[in-house]
Amino acid sequence: MKTSSPCPVDAVLKVLAGPWTTHVLWALQTSGPLRFGALKRAIAGVSSRLLAERLRRLTDAGFVEREVVPTVPLQVTYRLSDRGRRLGAVLEQLQPIASEWESQETGVAQAREGRG
C-alpha cells in the first residue's frame, strides 16, 4: 500500500472508505477464513461483483490473503493477513465509540419525531 499523502493514515482510510469494506473485514475477523460464497452469505445485501472488487482491493492492500486450491471448480479461501488482523484490532477499538454515537443519533432522531 503506497501513500503519497503526508498523513500515513490517509492511505489506510482510502482503502477502508469503500462500501462493504469494513463488513468484509468484520466477517473475516469474526468467522475466520471463508470461501467466496460463505463470505457473500455472511454479508447480506452485497453483490458478487462488489464483493469481488472489495476482496481484490483488500488483497492488493495486504489486509486479506487469498488461497487458491486448484480443483474443479477452483476453491478460493479468503483470510485476514497479519496486517488485516492488526487492523481488525483497531476496528474493534472503534466499536464502542460507534455504538455510543449510533445510540446518541437514535436518541436525537427520536426526540425530533417526538418519541423521546
Protein backbone atom coordinates (compact mmCIF):
# COMPACT_ATOMS: atom_id res chain seq x y z
CA MET A 1 0.00 0.00 0.00
CA LYS A 2 1.66 3.18 -1.21
CA THR A 3 0.95 6.59 0.18
CA SER A 4 1.60 9.94 -1.46
CA SER A 5 -0.06 11.87 1.34
CA PRO A 6 1.94 13.42 4.18
CA CYS A 7 -0.57 11.71 6.52
CA PRO A 8 0.15 7.94 6.62
CA VAL A 9 -3.35 7.19 7.96
CA ASP A 10 -4.84 8.60 4.75
CA ALA A 11 -3.78 5.54 2.70
CA VAL A 12 -5.46 3.14 5.15
CA LEU A 13 -8.65 5.18 5.28
CA LYS A 14 -8.82 5.31 1.48
CA VAL A 15 -8.83 1.51 1.38
CA LEU A 16 -11.46 1.30 4.13
CA ALA A 17 -13.67 4.03 2.66
CA GLY A 18 -15.34 1.89 0.01
CA PRO A 19 -18.77 0.37 0.52
CA TRP A 20 -18.84 -3.00 2.31
CA THR A 21 -15.10 -2.93 3.08
CA THR A 22 -15.45 -2.93 6.85
CA HIS A 23 -18.19 -5.59 6.55
CA VAL A 24 -15.73 -7.87 4.73
CA LEU A 25 -13.03 -7.31 7.34
CA TRP A 26 -15.51 -7.87 10.17
CA ALA A 27 -16.83 -11.11 8.65
CA LEU A 28 -13.31 -12.49 8.16
CA GLN A 29 -12.30 -11.44 11.65
CA THR A 30 -15.31 -12.97 13.39
CA SER A 31 -15.73 -16.09 11.22
CA GLY A 32 -12.17 -16.87 10.21
CA PRO A 33 -11.21 -18.00 6.71
CA LEU A 34 -14.17 -18.14 4.32
CA ARG A 35 -14.78 -19.12 0.74
CA PHE A 36 -16.39 -16.54 -1.51
CA GLY A 37 -19.92 -17.98 -1.28
CA ALA A 38 -19.83 -18.23 2.50
CA LEU A 39 -18.49 -14.69 2.74
CA LYS A 40 -21.27 -13.43 0.47
CA ARG A 41 -23.88 -15.15 2.66
CA ALA A 42 -22.28 -13.63 5.77
CA ILE A 43 -22.68 -10.13 4.33
CA ALA A 44 -26.36 -9.82 3.47
CA GLY A 45 -27.03 -7.40 0.63
CA VAL A 46 -23.62 -7.23 -1.03
CA SER A 47 -23.48 -8.08 -4.74
CA SER A 48 -21.00 -10.64 -6.06
CA ARG A 49 -19.37 -8.01 -8.27
CA LEU A 50 -18.87 -5.55 -5.42
CA LEU A 51 -17.66 -8.26 -3.02
CA ALA A 52 -15.09 -9.44 -5.58
CA GLU A 53 -13.89 -5.85 -6.07
CA ARG A 54 -13.61 -5.25 -2.31
CA LEU A 55 -11.69 -8.51 -1.83
CA ARG A 56 -9.32 -7.60 -4.66
CA ARG A 57 -8.70 -4.17 -3.15
CA LEU A 58 -8.14 -5.58 0.36
CA THR A 59 -5.82 -8.25 -1.06
CA ASP A 60 -3.83 -5.63 -3.01
CA ALA A 61 -3.52 -3.55 0.17
CA GLY A 62 -2.21 -6.57 2.08
CA PHE A 63 -5.14 -6.86 4.52
CA VAL A 64 -6.54 -10.09 3.10
CA GLU A 65 -4.82 -13.24 1.81
CA ARG A 66 -6.29 -15.32 -0.99
CA GLU A 67 -5.58 -19.05 -1.09
CA VAL A 68 -6.41 -20.93 -4.28
CA VAL A 69 -6.70 -24.73 -4.35
CA PRO A 70 -6.53 -25.88 -7.99
CA THR A 71 -9.57 -28.14 -8.03
CA VAL A 72 -12.54 -28.16 -10.39
CA PRO A 73 -14.10 -25.80 -9.62
CA LEU A 74 -11.36 -23.71 -8.01
CA GLN A 75 -11.56 -23.41 -4.24
CA VAL A 76 -10.66 -19.88 -3.19
CA THR A 77 -10.47 -19.09 0.51
CA TYR A 78 -10.01 -15.61 1.98
CA ARG A 79 -8.48 -14.87 5.37
CA LEU A 80 -7.09 -11.86 7.17
CA SER A 81 -3.34 -11.40 6.83
CA ASP A 82 -1.22 -10.33 9.80
CA ARG A 83 -1.76 -6.75 8.64
CA GLY A 84 -5.52 -7.36 8.45
CA ARG A 85 -5.63 -8.82 11.95
CA ARG A 86 -3.78 -5.77 13.30
CA LEU A 87 -6.28 -3.52 11.54
CA GLY A 88 -9.13 -5.64 12.92
CA ALA A 89 -7.89 -4.97 16.44
CA VAL A 90 -8.05 -1.23 15.75
CA LEU A 91 -11.55 -1.54 14.28
CA GLU A 92 -12.65 -3.39 17.42
CA GLN A 93 -11.48 -0.42 19.46
CA LEU A 94 -13.73 1.83 17.36
CA GLN A 95 -16.81 -0.30 18.07
CA PRO A 96 -17.70 1.21 21.49
CA ILE A 97 -17.38 4.71 20.05
CA ALA A 98 -19.51 3.81 17.03
CA SER A 99 -22.16 2.19 19.23
CA GLU A 100 -22.26 5.23 21.53
CA TRP A 101 -22.59 7.64 18.63
CA GLU A 102 -25.25 5.48 16.99
CA SER A 103 -27.35 5.45 20.17
CA GLN A 104 -26.91 9.23 20.53
CA GLU A 105 -28.07 9.75 16.94
CA THR A 106 -31.03 7.44 17.53
CA GLY A 107 -31.98 9.44 20.62
CA VAL A 108 -31.72 12.72 18.71
CA ALA A 109 -33.84 11.35 15.85
CA GLN A 110 -36.48 10.06 18.30
CA ALA A 111 -36.55 13.44 20.07
CA ARG A 112 -37.11 15.18 16.73
CA GLU A 113 -40.01 12.82 15.99
CA GLY A 114 -41.49 13.41 19.45
CA ARG A 115 -40.85 9.84 20.62
CA GLY A 116 -38.08 10.55 23.09
